[in-house]
């Protein structure tokens, strides 16, 4: 039987969830549908530094969709800027670059240079961008990321991660930083930042922090069910394997359920979740 304290905690979580920022579409064009939910986690966080952007029918093309989460640190300024302007820079580069790799490389580079010019010395953000478009007869999903906000595919075979972990726990990132003459101290880049790649944080660029994104390409097939993009408020509390059995009447309900699951599992961070139904 549920104790009074446990019941109070659960009801408080639900109350926070009802007042959270939500966004959904039951009928989309580039995908079947999508839903978004977030929670500041006020018991542990004084502000909400996560931001997101969803653009269905991207470039006024029904086969294109743009889905992004930015998890800011040091403040919300970097993630807020990316929410408002990253897709514009991405759009510009799509019109002038030859390959998707060049588009993402230059977009991340140009945004990072803007942050340098604005003296974002200790302000920064993760960035996880999922871009869907049609190439010939195939629907293709491109994912680019820096930091520890991740994207996964849930399909009939299980859960497939699309992003790379940019933390000192990743041996390849540690090797890269050491080869560049960078510093990892107390499990942090320059002794300060727990992620190894980010936009902004100009003062740590000499310590091995870079803004070069990882990029993956994935052809969407019929048994790909959901794309889930979330900040580390989810991933630090919920194991990816648990997403095999996600359920809900629609994407918004699933997103709400995942945020609630993170809170119940003891998340101490802002949590943002985008759920996209692909087929």
C-alpha atoms as a PDB file:
ATOM      1  CA  UNK A   1       0.000   0.000   0.000  1.00  0.00           C
ATOM      2  CA  UNK A   2       1.314   3.462  -0.927  1.00  0.00           C
ATOM      3  CA  UNK A   3       2.466   5.530   2.067  1.00  0.00           C
ATOM      4  CA  UNK A   4       1.254   9.091   2.673  1.00  0.00           C
ATOM      5  CA  UNK A   5       4.711  10.516   1.932  1.00  0.00           C
ATOM      6  CA  UNK A   6       5.032   8.527  -1.282  1.00  0.00           C
ATOM      7  CA  UNK A   7       1.544   9.594  -2.357  1.00  0.00           C
ATOM      8  CA  UNK A   8       2.337  13.247  -1.644  1.00  0.00           C
ATOM      9  CA  UNK A   9       5.539  13.006  -3.643  1.00  0.00           C
ATOM     10  CA  UNK A  10       3.747  11.373  -6.555  1.00  0.00           C
ATOM     11  CA  UNK A  11       0.970  13.986  -6.572  1.00  0.00           C
ATOM     12  CA  UNK A  12       3.533  16.804  -6.452  1.00  0.00           C
ATOM     13  CA  UNK A  13       5.284  15.320  -9.459  1.00  0.00           C
ATOM     14  CA  UNK A  14       2.014  15.064 -11.347  1.00  0.00           C
ATOM     15  CA  UNK A  15       1.157  18.657 -10.482  1.00  0.00           C
ATOM     16  CA  UNK A  16       4.503  19.821 -11.828  1.00  0.00           C
ATOM     17  CA  UNK A  17       3.950  17.748 -14.945  1.00  0.00           C
ATOM     18  CA  UNK A  18       0.519  19.265 -15.584  1.00  0.00           C
ATOM     19  CA  UNK A  19       2.058  22.724 -15.487  1.00  0.00           C
ATOM     20  CA  UNK A  20       4.986  21.767 -17.722  1.00  0.00           C
ATOM     21  CA  UNK A  21       5.535  22.983 -21.237  1.00  0.00           C
ATOM     22  CA  UNK A  22       3.837  20.625 -23.694  1.00  0.00           C
ATOM     23  CA  UNK A  23       3.560  20.513 -27.449  1.00  0.00           C
ATOM     24  CA  UNK A  24       2.006  17.918 -29.698  1.00  0.00           C
ATOM     25  CA  UNK A  25       0.536  17.202 -33.093  1.00  0.00           C
ATOM     26  CA  UNK A  26      -1.700  14.241 -33.719  1.00  0.00           C
ATOM     27  CA  UNK A  27      -1.432  14.763 -37.484  1.00  0.00           C
ATOM     28  CA  UNK A  28       1.978  15.762 -38.810  1.00  0.00           C
ATOM     29  CA  UNK A  29       3.347  15.750 -42.343  1.00  0.00           C
ATOM     30  CA  UNK A  30       7.019  14.731 -42.205  1.00  0.00           C
ATOM     31  CA  UNK A  31       6.159  12.089 -39.571  1.00  0.00           C
ATOM     32  CA  UNK A  32       2.981  10.500 -38.252  1.00  0.00           C
ATOM     33  CA  UNK A  33       2.818  12.631 -35.087  1.00  0.00           C
ATOM     34  CA  UNK A  34       4.952  14.096 -32.305  1.00  0.00           C
ATOM     35  CA  UNK A  35       4.769  15.181 -28.687  1.00  0.00           C
ATOM     36  CA  UNK A  36       6.955  17.186 -26.307  1.00  0.00           C
ATOM     37  CA  UNK A  37       7.009  17.488 -22.519  1.00  0.00           C
ATOM     38  CA  UNK A  38       9.387  19.033 -20.005  1.00  0.00           C
ATOM     39  CA  UNK A  39       9.817  19.566 -16.278  1.00  0.00           C
ATOM     40  CA  UNK A  40      12.126  22.050 -14.541  1.00  0.00           C
ATOM     41  CA  UNK A  41      12.456  19.786 -11.500  1.00  0.00           C
ATOM     42  CA  UNK A  42      12.006  22.668  -9.071  1.00  0.00           C
ATOM     43  CA  UNK A  43      13.089  20.620  -6.063  1.00  0.00           C
ATOM     44  CA  UNK A  44      16.635  20.699  -7.427  1.00  0.00           C
ATOM     45  CA  UNK A  45      16.804  23.388 -10.137  1.00  0.00           C
ATOM     46  CA  UNK A  46      16.150  27.122  -9.804  1.00  0.00           C
ATOM     47  CA  UNK A  47      15.631  27.634 -13.550  1.00  0.00           C
ATOM     48  CA  UNK A  48      14.827  25.797 -16.763  1.00  0.00           C
ATOM     49  CA  UNK A  49      17.841  25.742 -19.090  1.00  0.00           C
ATOM     50  CA  UNK A  50      16.555  23.135 -21.578  1.00  0.00           C
ATOM     51  CA  UNK A  51      15.093  24.380 -24.846  1.00  0.00           C
ATOM     52  CA  UNK A  52      13.593  22.596 -27.847  1.00  0.00           C
ATOM     53  CA  UNK A  53      12.492  23.282 -31.409  1.00  0.00           C
ATOM     54  CA  UNK A  54      10.138  21.284 -33.615  1.00  0.00           C
ATOM     55  CA  UNK A  55       9.479  22.241 -37.231  1.00  0.00           C
ATOM     56  CA  UNK A  56       7.216  19.898 -39.167  1.00  0.00           C
ATOM     57  CA  UNK A  57       7.023  20.593 -42.911  1.00  0.00           C
ATOM     58  CA  UNK A  58      10.527  22.090 -42.655  1.00  0.00           C
ATOM     59  CA  UNK A  59      11.402  24.355 -45.609  1.00  0.00           C
ATOM     60  CA  UNK A  60       7.715  24.007 -46.519  1.00  0.00           C
ATOM     61  CA  UNK A  61       8.466  20.462 -47.630  1.00  0.00           C
ATOM     62  CA  UNK A  62       6.068  17.796 -46.294  1.00  0.00           C
ATOM     63  CA  UNK A  63       8.865  15.207 -46.327  1.00  0.00           C
ATOM     64  CA  UNK A  64      11.176  17.211 -44.083  1.00  0.00           C
ATOM     65  CA  UNK A  65      11.149  17.560 -40.301  1.00  0.00           C
ATOM     66  CA  UNK A  66      13.480  19.269 -37.811  1.00  0.00           C
ATOM     67  CA  UNK A  67      13.549  18.160 -34.165  1.00  0.00           C
ATOM     68  CA  UNK A  68      16.067  19.533 -31.650  1.00  0.00           C
ATOM     69  CA  UNK A  69      16.874  19.694 -27.954  1.00  0.00           C
ATOM     70  CA  UNK A  70      19.417  22.062 -26.412  1.00  0.00           C
ATOM     71  CA  UNK A  71      20.460  21.629 -22.765  1.00  0.00           C
ATOM     72  CA  UNK A  72      22.081  24.839 -21.545  1.00  0.00           C
ATOM     73  CA  UNK A  73      24.533  25.247 -18.687  1.00  0.00           C
ATOM     74  CA  UNK A  74      25.779  28.338 -16.895  1.00  0.00           C
ATOM     75  CA  UNK A  75      22.437  29.905 -17.801  1.00  0.00           C
ATOM     76  CA  UNK A  76      19.768  29.604 -20.484  1.00  0.00           C
ATOM     77  CA  UNK A  77      21.205  32.125 -22.953  1.00  0.00           C
ATOM     78  CA  UNK A  78      23.036  29.642 -25.207  1.00  0.00           C
ATOM     79  CA  UNK A  79      20.176  27.146 -25.411  1.00  0.00           C
ATOM     80  CA  UNK A  80      17.659  29.953 -25.965  1.00  0.00           C
ATOM     81  CA  UNK A  81      19.751  31.339 -28.826  1.00  0.00           C
ATOM     82  CA  UNK A  82      19.937  27.898 -30.450  1.00  0.00           C
ATOM     83  CA  UNK A  83      16.198  27.411 -30.088  1.00  0.00           C
ATOM     84  CA  UNK A  84      15.589  30.667 -31.943  1.00  0.00           C
ATOM     85  CA  UNK A  85      18.363  30.691 -34.543  1.00  0.00           C
ATOM     86  CA  UNK A  86      20.056  27.286 -35.038  1.00  0.00           C
ATOM     87  CA  UNK A  87      17.466  26.180 -37.603  1.00  0.00           C
ATOM     88  CA  UNK A  88      17.946  29.414 -39.582  1.00  0.00           C
ATOM     89  CA  UNK A  89      21.689  28.788 -39.841  1.00  0.00           C
ATOM     90  CA  UNK A  90      20.981  25.167 -40.751  1.00  0.00           C
ATOM     91  CA  UNK A  91      18.531  26.282 -43.442  1.00  0.00           C
ATOM     92  CA  UNK A  92      21.079  28.692 -44.899  1.00  0.00           C
ATOM     93  CA  UNK A  93      23.767  26.020 -45.097  1.00  0.00           C
ATOM     94  CA  UNK A  94      21.388  23.519 -46.699  1.00  0.00           C
ATOM     95  CA  UNK A  95      21.077  25.935 -49.606  1.00  0.00           C
ATOM     96  CA  UNK A  96      24.813  26.405 -50.176  1.00  0.00           C
ATOM     97  CA  UNK A  97      26.629  23.219 -49.089  1.00  0.00           C
ATOM     98  CA  UNK A  98      27.088  20.027 -51.078  1.00  0.00           C
ATOM     99  CA  UNK A  99      26.738  17.421 -48.344  1.00  0.00           C
ATOM    100  CA  UNK A 100      24.809  17.022 -45.100  1.00  0.00           C
ATOM    101  CA  UNK A 101      28.110  16.561 -43.261  1.00  0.00           C
ATOM    102  CA  UNK A 102      29.235  19.986 -44.481  1.00  0.00           C
ATOM    103  CA  UNK A 103      25.872  21.488 -43.535  1.00  0.00           C
ATOM    104  CA  UNK A 104      26.078  20.279 -39.946  1.00  0.00           C
ATOM    105  CA  UNK A 105      29.809  21.013 -39.613  1.00  0.00           C
ATOM    106  CA  UNK A 106      29.420  24.613 -40.740  1.00  0.00           C
ATOM    107  CA  UNK A 107      26.221  25.210 -38.774  1.00  0.00           C
ATOM    108  CA  UNK A 108      27.793  24.109 -35.491  1.00  0.00           C
ATOM    109  CA  UNK A 109      30.996  26.010 -36.308  1.00  0.00           C
ATOM    110  CA  UNK A 110      29.164  29.243 -37.155  1.00  0.00           C
ATOM    111  CA  UNK A 111      26.954  29.126 -34.047  1.00  0.00           C
ATOM    112  CA  UNK A 112      30.022  28.503 -31.893  1.00  0.00           C
ATOM    113  CA  UNK A 113      31.767  31.499 -33.478  1.00  0.00           C
ATOM    114  CA  UNK A 114      28.751  33.667 -32.670  1.00  0.00           C
ATOM    115  CA  UNK A 115      29.011  32.543 -29.039  1.00  0.00           C
ATOM    116  CA  UNK A 116      32.717  33.374 -29.052  1.00  0.00           C
ATOM    117  CA  UNK A 117      31.966  36.865 -30.381  1.00  0.00           C
ATOM    118  CA  UNK A 118      29.336  37.304 -27.656  1.00  0.00           C
ATOM    119  CA  UNK A 119      31.860  36.316 -24.967  1.00  0.00           C
ATOM    120  CA  UNK A 120      29.997  33.202 -23.879  1.00  0.00           C
ATOM    121  CA  UNK A 121      33.050  32.290 -21.793  1.00  0.00           C
ATOM    122  CA  UNK A 122      31.247  30.033 -19.313  1.00  0.00           C
ATOM    123  CA  UNK A 123      27.872  29.761 -21.049  1.00  0.00           C
ATOM    124  CA  UNK A 124      27.146  26.837 -23.314  1.00  0.00           C
ATOM    125  CA  UNK A 125      24.727  24.189 -24.458  1.00  0.00           C
ATOM    126  CA  UNK A 126      24.454  20.672 -25.751  1.00  0.00           C
ATOM    127  CA  UNK A 127      22.770  20.237 -29.123  1.00  0.00           C
ATOM    128  CA  UNK A 128      20.984  17.224 -30.546  1.00  0.00           C
ATOM    129  CA  UNK A 129      19.427  17.755 -33.959  1.00  0.00           C
ATOM    130  CA  UNK A 130      17.360  15.180 -35.856  1.00  0.00           C
ATOM    131  CA  UNK A 131      16.618  16.017 -39.476  1.00  0.00           C
ATOM    132  CA  UNK A 132      14.285  13.865 -41.573  1.00  0.00           C
ATOM    133  CA  UNK A 133      14.042  14.122 -45.332  1.00  0.00           C
ATOM    134  CA  UNK A 134      13.274  12.013 -48.387  1.00  0.00           C
ATOM    135  CA  UNK A 135      16.143  10.883 -50.607  1.00  0.00           C
ATOM    136  CA  UNK A 136      14.810   9.133 -53.673  1.00  0.00           C
ATOM    137  CA  UNK A 137      12.399   6.478 -52.435  1.00  0.00           C
ATOM    138  CA  UNK A 138      13.897   6.418 -48.923  1.00  0.00           C
ATOM    139  CA  UNK A 139      13.102   8.394 -45.798  1.00  0.00           C
ATOM    140  CA  UNK A 140      16.375   9.256 -44.116  1.00  0.00           C
ATOM    141  CA  UNK A 141      17.080  10.380 -40.551  1.00  0.00           C
ATOM    142  CA  UNK A 142      20.228  12.407 -39.873  1.00  0.00           C
ATOM    143  CA  UNK A 143      21.271  13.004 -36.267  1.00  0.00           C
ATOM    144  CA  UNK A 144      23.999  15.403 -35.126  1.00  0.00           C
ATOM    145  CA  UNK A 145      25.015  15.952 -31.529  1.00  0.00           C
ATOM    146  CA  UNK A 146      27.458  17.499 -29.098  1.00  0.00           C
ATOM    147  CA  UNK A 147      27.101  16.810 -25.393  1.00  0.00           C
ATOM    148  CA  UNK A 148      24.961  14.334 -23.480  1.00  0.00           C
ATOM    149  CA  UNK A 149      21.453  14.935 -24.810  1.00  0.00           C
ATOM    150  CA  UNK A 150      20.676  11.801 -26.769  1.00  0.00           C
ATOM    151  CA  UNK A 151      18.411  10.429 -29.490  1.00  0.00           C
ATOM    152  CA  UNK A 152      17.309   6.811 -29.825  1.00  0.00           C
ATOM    153  CA  UNK A 153      15.136   4.780 -32.162  1.00  0.00           C
ATOM    154  CA  UNK A 154      12.612   2.356 -30.740  1.00  0.00           C
ATOM    155  CA  UNK A 155      11.711  -0.407 -33.152  1.00  0.00           C
ATOM    156  CA  UNK A 156      10.589  -4.025 -33.190  1.00  0.00           C
ATOM    157  CA  UNK A 157      14.164  -5.152 -32.456  1.00  0.00           C
ATOM    158  CA  UNK A 158      14.701  -2.961 -29.419  1.00  0.00           C
ATOM    159  CA  UNK A 159      16.319   0.428 -28.777  1.00  0.00           C
ATOM    160  CA  UNK A 160      19.069   1.865 -30.972  1.00  0.00           C
ATOM    161  CA  UNK A 161      21.114   4.898 -29.914  1.00  0.00           C
ATOM    162  CA  UNK A 162      21.795   7.424 -32.686  1.00  0.00           C
ATOM    163  CA  UNK A 163      24.081   9.800 -30.775  1.00  0.00           C
ATOM    164  CA  UNK A 164      27.524   9.655 -29.152  1.00  0.00           C
ATOM    165  CA  UNK A 165      28.244  10.168 -25.455  1.00  0.00           C
ATOM    166  CA  UNK A 166      30.410  13.262 -25.021  1.00  0.00           C
ATOM    167  CA  UNK A 167      31.614  12.759 -21.470  1.00  0.00           C
ATOM    168  CA  UNK A 168      34.992  11.895 -19.926  1.00  0.00           C
ATOM    169  CA  UNK A 169      33.576   8.378 -19.482  1.00  0.00           C
ATOM    170  CA  UNK A 170      34.007   7.941 -23.257  1.00  0.00           C
ATOM    171  CA  UNK A 171      37.596   6.654 -23.812  1.00  0.00           C
ATOM    172  CA  UNK A 172      37.742   8.060 -27.341  1.00  0.00           C
ATOM    173  CA  UNK A 173      36.899  11.521 -26.102  1.00  0.00           C
ATOM    174  CA  UNK A 174      39.538  11.256 -23.373  1.00  0.00           C
ATOM    175  CA  UNK A 175      42.125  10.183 -25.941  1.00  0.00           C
ATOM    176  CA  UNK A 176      41.160  13.051 -28.268  1.00  0.00           C
ATOM    177  CA  UNK A 177      41.446  15.620 -25.500  1.00  0.00           C
ATOM    178  CA  UNK A 178      44.816  14.332 -24.299  1.00  0.00           C
ATOM    179  CA  UNK A 179      46.223  14.280 -27.843  1.00  0.00           C
ATOM    180  CA  UNK A 180      45.133  17.895 -28.319  1.00  0.00           C
ATOM    181  CA  UNK A 181      46.951  18.941 -25.155  1.00  0.00           C
ATOM    182  CA  UNK A 182      43.695  19.387 -23.265  1.00  0.00           C
ATOM    183  CA  UNK A 183      43.011  18.782 -19.612  1.00  0.00           C
ATOM    184  CA  UNK A 184      40.630  16.468 -17.759  1.00  0.00           C
ATOM    185  CA  UNK A 185      40.644  16.946 -14.001  1.00  0.00           C
ATOM    186  CA  UNK A 186      38.217  15.409 -11.506  1.00  0.00           C
ATOM    187  CA  UNK A 187      36.280  13.929 -14.414  1.00  0.00           C
ATOM    188  CA  UNK A 188      35.699  17.318 -16.028  1.00  0.00           C
ATOM    189  CA  UNK A 189      37.180  19.173 -18.995  1.00  0.00           C
ATOM    190  CA  UNK A 190      39.458  21.849 -17.586  1.00  0.00           C
ATOM    191  CA  UNK A 191      38.250  20.694 -14.174  1.00  0.00           C
ATOM    192  CA  UNK A 192      34.932  22.447 -14.834  1.00  0.00           C
ATOM    193  CA  UNK A 193      32.651  20.908 -17.463  1.00  0.00           C
ATOM    194  CA  UNK A 194      31.252  17.365 -17.377  1.00  0.00           C
ATOM    195  CA  UNK A 195      30.827  17.152 -21.166  1.00  0.00           C
ATOM    196  CA  UNK A 196      33.598  17.051 -23.756  1.00  0.00           C
ATOM    197  CA  UNK A 197      31.828  18.762 -26.672  1.00  0.00           C
ATOM    198  CA  UNK A 198      29.490  21.749 -26.549  1.00  0.00           C
ATOM    199  CA  UNK A 199      28.511  24.981 -28.223  1.00  0.00           C
ATOM    200  CA  UNK A 200      29.909  27.964 -26.331  1.00  0.00           C
ATOM    201  CA  UNK A 201      32.128  27.684 -23.202  1.00  0.00           C
ATOM    202  CA  UNK A 202      34.844  29.602 -25.025  1.00  0.00           C
ATOM    203  CA  UNK A 203      37.208  29.600 -22.024  1.00  0.00           C
ATOM    204  CA  UNK A 204      37.454  25.785 -22.220  1.00  0.00           C
ATOM    205  CA  UNK A 205      38.269  25.506 -25.917  1.00  0.00           C
ATOM    206  CA  UNK A 206      42.006  25.487 -25.043  1.00  0.00           C
ATOM    207  CA  UNK A 207      41.354  22.608 -22.605  1.00  0.00           C
ATOM    208  CA  UNK A 208      40.064  20.237 -25.284  1.00  0.00           C
ATOM    209  CA  UNK A 209      36.405  21.205 -25.563  1.00  0.00           C
ATOM    210  CA  UNK A 210      35.245  21.312 -29.193  1.00  0.00           C
ATOM    211  CA  UNK A 211      31.991  22.021 -31.025  1.00  0.00           C
ATOM    212  CA  UNK A 212      32.488  19.531 -33.881  1.00  0.00           C
ATOM    213  CA  UNK A 213      29.351  17.327 -33.969  1.00  0.00           C
ATOM    214  CA  UNK A 214      29.025  13.598 -34.344  1.00  0.00           C
ATOM    215  CA  UNK A 215      26.815  12.671 -37.290  1.00  0.00           C
ATOM    216  CA  UNK A 216      24.795   9.551 -38.059  1.00  0.00           C
ATOM    217  CA  UNK A 217      22.647   8.614 -41.046  1.00  0.00           C
ATOM    218  CA  UNK A 218      19.845   6.100 -40.789  1.00  0.00           C
ATOM    219  CA  UNK A 219      17.318   4.972 -43.401  1.00  0.00           C
ATOM    220  CA  UNK A 220      13.901   4.792 -41.754  1.00  0.00           C
ATOM    221  CA  UNK A 221      12.324   1.360 -42.259  1.00  0.00           C
ATOM    222  CA  UNK A 222       8.761   0.157 -41.549  1.00  0.00           C
ATOM    223  CA  UNK A 223       9.575  -1.400 -38.154  1.00  0.00           C
ATOM    224  CA  UNK A 224      11.036   1.873 -36.811  1.00  0.00           C
ATOM    225  CA  UNK A 225       8.302   3.007 -34.435  1.00  0.00           C
ATOM    226  CA  UNK A 226       9.459   6.002 -32.384  1.00  0.00           C
ATOM    227  CA  UNK A 227      12.278   8.528 -32.324  1.00  0.00           C
ATOM    228  CA  UNK A 228      12.992   9.807 -28.805  1.00  0.00           C
ATOM    229  CA  UNK A 229      15.195  12.865 -28.178  1.00  0.00           C
ATOM    230  CA  UNK A 230      15.841  13.920 -24.599  1.00  0.00           C
ATOM    231  CA  UNK A 231      18.162  15.848 -22.320  1.00  0.00           C
ATOM    232  CA  UNK A 232      20.275  14.023 -19.758  1.00  0.00           C
ATOM    233  CA  UNK A 233      17.581  14.564 -17.137  1.00  0.00           C
ATOM    234  CA  UNK A 234      15.996  11.465 -18.700  1.00  0.00           C
ATOM    235  CA  UNK A 235      19.077   9.429 -19.650  1.00  0.00           C
ATOM    236  CA  UNK A 236      20.792   9.785 -16.266  1.00  0.00           C
ATOM    237  CA  UNK A 237      17.713   8.334 -14.567  1.00  0.00           C
ATOM    238  CA  UNK A 238      16.138   5.924 -17.053  1.00  0.00           C
ATOM    239  CA  UNK A 239      17.960   3.097 -18.803  1.00  0.00           C
ATOM    240  CA  UNK A 240      17.511   3.038 -22.567  1.00  0.00           C
ATOM    241  CA  UNK A 241      16.438  -0.606 -22.432  1.00  0.00           C
ATOM    242  CA  UNK A 242      13.354   0.466 -20.465  1.00  0.00           C
ATOM    243  CA  UNK A 243      12.071   2.265 -23.555  1.00  0.00           C
ATOM    244  CA  UNK A 244      11.322  -1.064 -25.245  1.00  0.00           C
ATOM    245  CA  UNK A 245       7.945  -1.115 -23.550  1.00  0.00           C
ATOM    246  CA  UNK A 246       6.899   2.532 -23.827  1.00  0.00           C
ATOM    247  CA  UNK A 247       3.182   2.967 -24.172  1.00  0.00           C
ATOM    248  CA  UNK A 248       0.575   5.665 -24.464  1.00  0.00           C
ATOM    249  CA  UNK A 249      -2.377   6.735 -26.541  1.00  0.00           C
ATOM    250  CA  UNK A 250      -0.273   9.325 -28.368  1.00  0.00           C
ATOM    251  CA  UNK A 251       3.193  10.887 -28.460  1.00  0.00           C
ATOM    252  CA  UNK A 252       2.362  13.545 -25.876  1.00  0.00           C
ATOM    253  CA  UNK A 253       1.186  10.932 -23.407  1.00  0.00           C
ATOM    254  CA  UNK A 254       4.385   8.939 -23.982  1.00  0.00           C
ATOM    255  CA  UNK A 255       6.542  12.055 -23.529  1.00  0.00           C
ATOM    256  CA  UNK A 256       4.697  12.934 -20.313  1.00  0.00           C
ATOM    257  CA  UNK A 257       5.143   9.376 -19.104  1.00  0.00           C
ATOM    258  CA  UNK A 258       8.899   9.461 -19.720  1.00  0.00           C
ATOM    259  CA  UNK A 259       9.286  12.761 -17.866  1.00  0.00           C
ATOM    260  CA  UNK A 260       7.297  11.306 -14.965  1.00  0.00           C
ATOM    261  CA  UNK A 261       9.432   8.163 -15.063  1.00  0.00           C
ATOM    262  CA  UNK A 262      12.611  10.265 -14.778  1.00  0.00           C
ATOM    263  CA  UNK A 263      11.203  12.164 -11.779  1.00  0.00           C
ATOM    264  CA  UNK A 264      10.162   8.964 -10.041  1.00  0.00           C
ATOM    265  CA  UNK A 265      13.621   7.481 -10.704  1.00  0.00           C
ATOM    266  CA  UNK A 266      15.226  10.386  -8.864  1.00  0.00           C
ATOM    267  CA  UNK A 267      16.243  12.819 -11.611  1.00  0.00           C
ATOM    268  CA  UNK A 268      17.809  15.986 -10.179  1.00  0.00           C
ATOM    269  CA  UNK A 269      18.010  17.851 -13.491  1.00  0.00           C
ATOM    270  CA  UNK A 270      15.823  19.678 -15.994  1.00  0.00           C
ATOM    271  CA  UNK A 271      14.175  17.050 -18.181  1.00  0.00           C
ATOM    272  CA  UNK A 272      12.977  17.517 -21.777  1.00  0.00           C
ATOM    273  CA  UNK A 273      11.576  14.801 -24.040  1.00  0.00           C
ATOM    274  CA  UNK A 274      10.485  14.801 -27.693  1.00  0.00           C
ATOM    275  CA  UNK A 275       8.671  11.698 -28.948  1.00  0.00           C
ATOM    276  CA  UNK A 276       8.173  11.290 -32.697  1.00  0.00           C
ATOM    277  CA  UNK A 277       6.045   8.529 -34.222  1.00  0.00           C
ATOM    278  CA  UNK A 278       7.743   7.530 -37.456  1.00  0.00           C
ATOM    279  CA  UNK A 279       5.455   4.811 -38.808  1.00  0.00           C
END
